N, C-alpha and C. Protein backbone atom coordinates (compact mmCIF):
# COMPACT_ATOMS: atom_id res chain seq x y z
N UNK A 1 6.87 2.66 -16.46
CA UNK A 1 6.19 1.62 -16.53
C UNK A 1 5.77 0.92 -15.94
N UNK A 2 4.21 0.15 -15.71
CA UNK A 2 3.68 -0.55 -14.68
C UNK A 2 4.08 -1.55 -14.77
N UNK A 3 4.48 -2.25 -14.28
CA UNK A 3 5.03 -4.13 -13.98
C UNK A 3 4.52 -4.65 -13.72
N UNK A 4 3.34 -4.83 -12.71
CA UNK A 4 1.96 -5.56 -12.11
C UNK A 4 1.50 -5.00 -10.92
N UNK A 5 0.87 -5.76 -10.54
CA UNK A 5 0.03 -5.72 -9.07
C UNK A 5 1.12 -5.94 -7.69
N UNK A 6 1.48 -5.27 -7.24
CA UNK A 6 2.48 -5.78 -6.08
C UNK A 6 1.36 -6.08 -5.07
N UNK A 7 0.95 -5.24 -4.31
CA UNK A 7 -0.25 -5.88 -3.37
C UNK A 7 -1.54 -4.87 -3.24
N UNK A 8 -2.42 -5.51 -2.59
CA UNK A 8 -3.50 -4.84 -1.69
C UNK A 8 -3.39 -4.29 -0.59
N UNK A 9 -3.82 -3.11 0.00
CA UNK A 9 -3.40 -3.06 1.52
C UNK A 9 -4.78 -2.86 1.81
N UNK A 10 -4.92 -4.10 3.08
CA UNK A 10 -6.56 -4.11 3.63
C UNK A 10 -6.33 -3.20 4.94
N UNK A 11 -6.98 -2.81 5.53
CA UNK A 11 -7.13 -1.69 6.68
C UNK A 11 -7.69 -2.41 7.95
N UNK A 12 -7.14 -2.51 8.90
CA UNK A 12 -7.47 -3.39 9.57
C UNK A 12 -7.70 -2.92 11.15
N UNK A 13 -8.49 -3.51 12.03
CA UNK A 13 -8.40 -2.53 13.22
C UNK A 13 -7.80 -3.74 14.17
N UNK A 14 -7.61 -4.74 14.13
CA UNK A 14 -6.92 -5.82 14.94
C UNK A 14 -6.10 -6.73 13.73
N UNK A 15 -5.02 -6.45 14.14
CA UNK A 15 -3.90 -7.18 13.59
C UNK A 15 -3.95 -8.50 13.78
N UNK A 16 -3.64 -8.68 14.86
CA UNK A 16 -3.57 -10.36 15.66
C UNK A 16 -4.60 -10.97 15.00
N UNK A 17 -6.48 -10.50 15.19
CA UNK A 17 -7.21 -11.20 14.41
C UNK A 17 -7.28 -11.20 13.18
N UNK A 18 -6.75 -10.18 12.19
CA UNK A 18 -6.70 -10.80 10.86
C UNK A 18 -5.48 -11.35 10.34
N UNK A 19 -4.54 -11.26 11.02
CA UNK A 19 -3.63 -12.40 11.07
C UNK A 19 -3.81 -14.20 11.12
N UNK A 20 -4.83 -14.13 12.14
CA UNK A 20 -5.14 -15.41 12.24
C UNK A 20 -6.57 -16.07 11.23
N UNK A 21 -7.03 -14.56 11.00
CA UNK A 21 -8.03 -15.21 9.85
C UNK A 21 -7.78 -15.40 8.39
N UNK A 22 -6.60 -14.94 8.15
CA UNK A 22 -5.85 -15.26 7.04
C UNK A 22 -4.81 -16.80 7.09
N UNK A 23 -4.49 -16.80 8.20
CA UNK A 23 -3.64 -18.50 8.26
C UNK A 23 -4.90 -19.22 8.11
N UNK A 24 -5.99 -19.21 9.12
CA UNK A 24 -7.33 -19.89 8.57
C UNK A 24 -7.71 -20.12 7.36
N UNK A 25 -7.61 -19.39 6.43
CA UNK A 25 -7.38 -19.76 4.89
C UNK A 25 -6.44 -20.17 4.42
N UNK A 26 -4.98 -20.74 5.07
CA UNK A 26 -4.39 -21.09 4.74
C UNK A 26 -3.02 -20.44 4.24
N UNK A 27 -3.14 -19.02 4.10
CA UNK A 27 -1.96 -18.29 4.03
C UNK A 27 -0.91 -18.42 5.39
N UNK A 28 -0.14 -17.55 4.87
CA UNK A 28 0.98 -17.54 5.89
C UNK A 28 1.83 -16.25 5.84
N UNK A 29 2.04 -15.73 6.84
CA UNK A 29 2.72 -13.74 7.05
C UNK A 29 3.81 -14.55 6.86
N UNK A 30 4.20 -13.49 5.65
CA UNK A 30 5.93 -13.42 5.26
C UNK A 30 6.54 -12.80 6.13
N UNK A 31 6.05 -11.40 6.23
CA UNK A 31 7.05 -10.83 7.65
C UNK A 31 6.04 -9.51 7.62
N UNK A 32 6.42 -9.08 8.82
CA UNK A 32 5.94 -7.89 9.43
C UNK A 32 6.58 -6.63 9.63
N UNK A 33 6.07 -5.21 9.23
CA UNK A 33 7.16 -4.17 9.85
C UNK A 33 6.20 -2.95 9.92
N UNK A 34 7.00 -1.85 10.83
CA UNK A 34 6.32 -0.87 11.57
C UNK A 34 6.70 -0.06 10.70
N UNK A 35 6.41 1.31 9.86
CA UNK A 35 6.23 2.47 9.35
C UNK A 35 5.96 3.60 10.05
N UNK A 36 7.19 4.08 10.89
CA UNK A 36 6.77 5.11 11.60
C UNK A 36 6.33 6.46 11.51
N UNK A 37 6.60 6.66 10.32
CA UNK A 37 6.50 8.00 9.30
C UNK A 37 4.53 7.90 8.99
N UNK A 38 4.47 6.45 8.68
CA UNK A 38 2.83 6.48 8.07
C UNK A 38 2.34 6.03 9.23
N UNK A 39 2.92 5.75 10.73
CA UNK A 39 1.97 5.35 11.79
C UNK A 39 1.54 4.00 11.65
N UNK A 40 1.49 3.23 11.28
CA UNK A 40 1.13 2.24 10.78
C UNK A 40 1.95 0.62 11.04
N UNK A 41 1.71 -0.37 11.33
CA UNK A 41 1.98 -1.78 11.17
C UNK A 41 1.36 -2.25 9.96
N UNK A 42 2.59 -3.23 9.57
CA UNK A 42 2.18 -3.95 8.28
C UNK A 42 1.94 -5.87 8.37
N UNK A 43 1.72 -5.72 7.76
CA UNK A 43 1.91 -7.57 7.49
C UNK A 43 1.61 -8.39 6.12
N UNK A 44 2.92 -8.74 5.64
CA UNK A 44 2.68 -9.15 3.75
C UNK A 44 2.65 -10.57 4.25
N UNK A 45 1.46 -11.10 2.96
CA UNK A 45 1.57 -12.40 2.77
C UNK A 45 1.29 -12.15 1.20
N UNK A 46 2.14 -13.44 1.00
CA UNK A 46 2.21 -13.45 -0.67
C UNK A 46 1.58 -14.61 -1.16
N UNK A 47 0.81 -14.08 -2.48
CA UNK A 47 -0.34 -14.40 -2.89
C UNK A 47 0.02 -14.76 -4.02
N UNK A 48 0.51 -15.64 -4.65
CA UNK A 48 1.42 -15.53 -6.23
C UNK A 48 2.40 -15.04 -6.53
N UNK A 49 2.60 -14.19 -7.01
CA UNK A 49 3.61 -13.25 -7.47
C UNK A 49 3.04 -11.98 -6.90
N UNK A 50 1.94 -11.80 -6.14
CA UNK A 50 1.57 -10.38 -5.59
C UNK A 50 1.68 -10.45 -4.13
N UNK A 51 0.82 -9.93 -3.13
CA UNK A 51 1.02 -9.79 -1.48
C UNK A 51 -0.46 -9.17 -1.56
N UNK A 52 -0.76 -9.37 -0.14
CA UNK A 52 -1.89 -8.80 0.30
C UNK A 52 -1.14 -7.81 1.58
N UNK A 53 -1.25 -6.64 1.86
CA UNK A 53 -0.68 -6.06 2.89
C UNK A 53 -1.57 -5.49 4.10
N UNK A 54 -1.23 -6.35 5.34
CA UNK A 54 -2.40 -5.98 6.17
C UNK A 54 -1.76 -4.33 7.03
N UNK A 55 -2.50 -3.74 7.09
CA UNK A 55 -2.15 -2.52 8.08
C UNK A 55 -3.31 -2.09 9.18
N UNK A 56 -2.70 -2.13 10.61
CA UNK A 56 -3.17 -1.71 11.37
C UNK A 56 -2.53 -0.37 11.74
N UNK A 57 -3.44 0.53 12.30
CA UNK A 57 -2.61 2.08 12.81
C UNK A 57 -1.75 2.03 14.25
N UNK A 58 -0.69 2.73 14.43
CA UNK A 58 -0.30 2.70 15.29
C UNK A 58 -0.85 3.97 16.11
N UNK A 59 -1.18 5.09 15.47
CA UNK A 59 -1.87 6.33 15.80
C UNK A 59 -3.17 6.99 15.74
N UNK A 60 -3.87 7.17 16.46
CA UNK A 60 -5.61 7.52 16.22
C UNK A 60 -5.31 8.50 14.58
N UNK A 61 -4.26 9.52 15.02
CA UNK A 61 -4.05 10.67 13.49
C UNK A 61 -3.48 9.78 11.85
N UNK A 62 -3.50 8.87 12.05
CA UNK A 62 -3.00 7.98 11.23
C UNK A 62 -4.02 7.75 10.06
N UNK A 63 -3.55 8.24 8.82
CA UNK A 63 -4.55 7.99 7.12
C UNK A 63 -5.34 6.52 7.71
N UNK A 64 -4.33 5.57 8.00
CA UNK A 64 -5.55 4.18 8.14
C UNK A 64 -6.59 4.43 9.26
N UNK A 65 -6.21 4.52 10.85
CA UNK A 65 -6.70 5.16 11.40
C UNK A 65 -8.05 5.77 11.24
N UNK A 66 -7.99 6.82 10.36
CA UNK A 66 -9.53 7.76 9.85
C UNK A 66 -9.95 7.02 8.61
N UNK A 67 -9.32 6.41 8.58
CA UNK A 67 -9.77 5.12 7.05
C UNK A 67 -10.67 4.35 7.73
N UNK A 68 -10.21 3.88 8.62
CA UNK A 68 -11.21 3.05 9.51
C UNK A 68 -11.93 3.03 10.45
N UNK A 69 -12.02 4.77 10.53
CA UNK A 69 -13.26 5.51 11.61
C UNK A 69 -15.14 5.42 10.12
N UNK A 70 -14.58 5.08 8.86
CA UNK A 70 -15.53 5.26 7.89
C UNK A 70 -15.88 3.35 7.82
N UNK A 71 -14.55 3.02 7.13
CA UNK A 71 -14.90 1.36 6.64
C UNK A 71 -13.92 0.73 7.24
N UNK A 72 -13.79 -0.60 7.02
CA UNK A 72 -13.02 -1.62 6.89
C UNK A 72 -12.27 -2.27 5.52
N UNK A 73 -11.14 -2.30 5.48
CA UNK A 73 -10.96 -3.38 4.07
C UNK A 73 -10.51 -3.01 3.06
N UNK A 74 -10.44 -3.21 1.49
CA UNK A 74 -9.56 -2.77 0.86
C UNK A 74 -9.47 -0.93 1.02
N UNK A 75 -7.99 -0.92 1.48
CA UNK A 75 -7.47 0.59 1.23
C UNK A 75 -6.55 1.14 0.16
N UNK A 76 -5.99 0.26 -0.83
CA UNK A 76 -5.25 0.53 -1.67
C UNK A 76 -5.00 -0.49 -2.68
N UNK A 77 -4.70 -0.35 -3.92
CA UNK A 77 -3.78 -1.08 -4.64
C UNK A 77 -2.61 -0.69 -4.70
N UNK A 78 -1.80 -1.43 -4.88
CA UNK A 78 -0.04 -0.64 -5.50
C UNK A 78 0.08 -1.46 -6.27
N UNK A 79 0.86 -0.56 -7.25
CA UNK A 79 1.73 -1.25 -8.75
C UNK A 79 2.85 -0.86 -8.59
N UNK A 80 3.56 -2.05 -9.36
CA UNK A 80 5.11 -1.91 -8.87
C UNK A 80 5.22 -1.63 -10.48
N UNK A 81 6.70 -0.12 -10.30
CA UNK A 81 6.83 0.17 -11.34
C UNK A 81 8.17 0.65 -11.57
N UNK A 82 8.74 0.65 -12.73
CA UNK A 82 10.55 0.81 -13.01
C UNK A 82 11.18 1.72 -12.52
N UNK A 83 10.23 3.22 -13.01
CA UNK A 83 10.73 4.59 -12.49
C UNK A 83 9.90 4.98 -11.79
N UNK A 84 9.92 5.43 -10.24
CA UNK A 84 8.59 6.03 -9.88
C UNK A 84 8.57 7.48 -10.03
N UNK A 85 9.56 7.73 -10.13
CA UNK A 85 9.76 9.86 -10.60
C UNK A 85 9.31 9.52 -12.19
N UNK A 86 9.35 8.88 -12.92
CA UNK A 86 8.91 9.03 -14.36
C UNK A 86 7.38 8.87 -14.55
N UNK A 87 7.30 7.85 -13.88
CA UNK A 87 5.67 7.37 -13.70
C UNK A 87 4.85 8.47 -13.38
N UNK A 88 5.66 9.07 -12.24
CA UNK A 88 4.63 10.35 -11.49
C UNK A 88 4.85 11.23 -12.72
N UNK A 89 5.75 11.48 -13.55
CA UNK A 89 5.34 12.54 -14.28
C UNK A 89 4.81 12.33 -15.38
N UNK A 90 4.57 11.67 -15.80
CA UNK A 90 3.88 10.70 -17.22
C UNK A 90 2.26 10.95 -16.30
N UNK A 91 2.00 10.56 -15.35
CA UNK A 91 0.55 10.53 -14.27
C UNK A 91 0.43 12.07 -14.58
N UNK A 92 1.15 12.63 -13.85
CA UNK A 92 0.74 14.66 -13.93
C UNK A 92 0.41 14.86 -15.24
N UNK A 93 1.41 14.13 -16.08
CA UNK A 93 1.09 15.42 -17.27
C UNK A 93 -0.42 14.72 -18.25
N UNK A 94 -0.70 13.50 -18.18
CA UNK A 94 -2.07 12.97 -18.23
C UNK A 94 -3.30 13.47 -17.08
N UNK A 95 -3.00 14.65 -16.35
CA UNK A 95 -4.28 14.66 -15.69
C UNK A 95 -4.09 14.57 -14.07
N UNK A 96 -3.69 13.37 -14.06
CA UNK A 96 -3.88 12.73 -12.17
C UNK A 96 -3.49 13.81 -11.41
N UNK A 97 -4.14 13.52 -10.22
CA UNK A 97 -4.05 13.92 -9.02
C UNK A 97 -3.02 13.42 -8.10
N UNK A 98 -1.86 13.84 -8.02
CA UNK A 98 -1.13 13.25 -6.68
C UNK A 98 -0.96 13.51 -5.68
N UNK A 99 -1.27 12.66 -4.78
CA UNK A 99 -1.22 13.14 -3.54
C UNK A 99 0.15 13.39 -3.04
N UNK A 100 1.21 13.00 -3.75
CA UNK A 100 2.82 13.27 -2.97
C UNK A 100 3.12 13.66 -4.22
N UNK A 101 4.47 14.96 -3.77
CA UNK A 101 4.71 15.82 -4.86
C UNK A 101 6.28 14.84 -5.42
N UNK A 102 6.91 14.19 -4.17
CA UNK A 102 7.77 13.50 -4.61
C UNK A 102 7.65 12.28 -3.67
N UNK A 103 8.58 11.34 -4.22
CA UNK A 103 8.14 9.87 -3.82
C UNK A 103 8.80 9.92 -1.98
N UNK A 104 8.04 9.03 -1.01
CA UNK A 104 8.48 8.97 0.21
C UNK A 104 8.65 7.36 0.60
N UNK A 105 9.33 7.34 1.60
CA UNK A 105 9.98 5.59 1.89
C UNK A 105 8.53 5.41 2.21
N UNK A 106 8.46 3.88 1.94
CA UNK A 106 7.43 3.29 2.14
C UNK A 106 7.65 1.75 3.24
N UNK A 107 6.75 0.87 3.63
CA UNK A 107 6.92 -0.26 4.06
C UNK A 107 8.34 -1.13 3.29
N UNK A 108 9.62 -1.39 4.25
CA UNK A 108 10.61 -1.80 3.43
C UNK A 108 11.29 -1.17 3.07
N UNK A 109 11.37 -0.06 3.05
CA UNK A 109 12.40 0.99 2.28
C UNK A 109 12.45 1.40 1.11
N UNK A 110 11.40 1.10 0.74
CA UNK A 110 10.93 1.02 -1.24
C UNK A 110 10.24 2.85 -1.22
N UNK A 111 10.31 3.44 -2.34
CA UNK A 111 10.31 4.27 -2.93
C UNK A 111 8.81 4.21 -3.18
N UNK A 112 7.82 4.96 -2.22
CA UNK A 112 6.36 4.60 -2.97
C UNK A 112 5.80 6.39 -2.93
N UNK A 113 4.90 6.23 -3.87
CA UNK A 113 3.88 7.87 -4.29
C UNK A 113 2.45 7.42 -4.42
N UNK A 114 1.38 8.33 -3.61
CA UNK A 114 -0.24 8.16 -4.06
C UNK A 114 -0.87 9.02 -4.92
N UNK A 115 -1.80 8.09 -5.78
CA UNK A 115 -2.35 8.80 -6.46
C UNK A 115 -3.80 8.74 -6.17
N UNK A 116 -4.40 10.31 -6.17
CA UNK A 116 -5.58 10.05 -5.61
C UNK A 116 -7.01 9.38 -5.79
N UNK A 117 -7.71 8.88 -5.03
CA UNK A 117 -8.87 8.29 -5.28
C UNK A 117 -9.79 8.41 -7.08
N UNK A 118 -9.99 10.40 -6.93
CA UNK A 118 -10.38 11.10 -7.97
C UNK A 118 -9.84 10.24 -9.32
N UNK A 119 -8.63 10.11 -9.39
CA UNK A 119 -7.52 10.08 -11.02
C UNK A 119 -8.05 8.62 -11.05
N UNK A 120 -8.44 7.69 -10.07
CA UNK A 120 -8.68 6.28 -10.35
C UNK A 120 -9.41 5.39 -10.27
N UNK A 121 -10.56 6.49 -10.73
CA UNK A 121 -12.02 5.50 -10.57
C UNK A 121 -12.06 5.09 -9.44
N UNK A 122 -11.99 5.88 -8.43
CA UNK A 122 -12.30 5.87 -6.82
C UNK A 122 -11.56 4.76 -5.79
N UNK A 123 -10.47 4.23 -6.66
CA UNK A 123 -9.29 3.58 -5.99
C UNK A 123 -7.94 4.61 -5.64
N UNK A 124 -7.45 4.34 -4.19
CA UNK A 124 -6.35 5.15 -4.22
C UNK A 124 -5.36 3.93 -4.62
N UNK A 125 -4.70 4.53 -5.44
CA UNK A 125 -3.25 3.70 -5.97
C UNK A 125 -2.02 4.36 -5.75
N UNK A 126 -1.32 3.27 -5.08
CA UNK A 126 0.09 3.05 -4.84
C UNK A 126 0.85 2.88 -5.61
N UNK A 127 2.23 3.89 -6.01
CA UNK A 127 3.20 3.63 -6.82
C UNK A 127 4.36 3.09 -6.20
N UNK A 128 4.89 1.84 -6.53
CA UNK A 128 5.79 1.44 -5.53
C UNK A 128 7.19 1.12 -6.69
N UNK A 129 8.21 1.80 -6.64
CA UNK A 129 9.38 1.60 -7.35
C UNK A 129 10.04 -0.27 -7.51
N UNK A 130 10.34 -0.34 -8.05
CA UNK A 130 10.90 -1.91 -7.89
C UNK A 130 12.62 -1.59 -7.93
N UNK A 131 12.68 -2.56 -7.15
CA UNK A 131 14.33 -2.93 -7.04
C UNK A 131 14.85 -3.82 -7.75
N UNK A 132 16.26 -3.69 -7.99
CA UNK A 132 16.49 -4.30 -8.79
C UNK A 132 16.81 -5.86 -8.33
N UNK A 133 16.44 -5.93 -7.30
CA UNK A 133 16.11 -7.93 -6.81
C UNK A 133 14.86 -8.66 -7.26
N UNK A 134 14.04 -7.49 -7.59
CA UNK A 134 12.83 -7.80 -8.17
C UNK A 134 12.45 -8.80 -9.15
């Protein structure tokens, strides 16, 4: 079951400049982390009960670096789910094209999986499993 929008992922070429821009808007960086498996640095900004996730590539072969070769801005929408495996099964059964066969570890150690933009009206959709503390 989808619980809420967790975050919007925004691809940036320069994390320092992006953080300054959002801070100038009165927003605050809550935490930053690196996800070596995805070759990306992230910074999270809380907006109400959701977040903005700034994504800067750490390697030119990363998915974010390849995205930035063509465009900048919104990279994905992440929805929080209560059971990622069950949600993936339900989406697969409904004909969705999943980019992940099984969940992987994302920022903050959460389980995540991605749905191809072809199955979500042109937008990359990330599923993130809610942990019991949320």
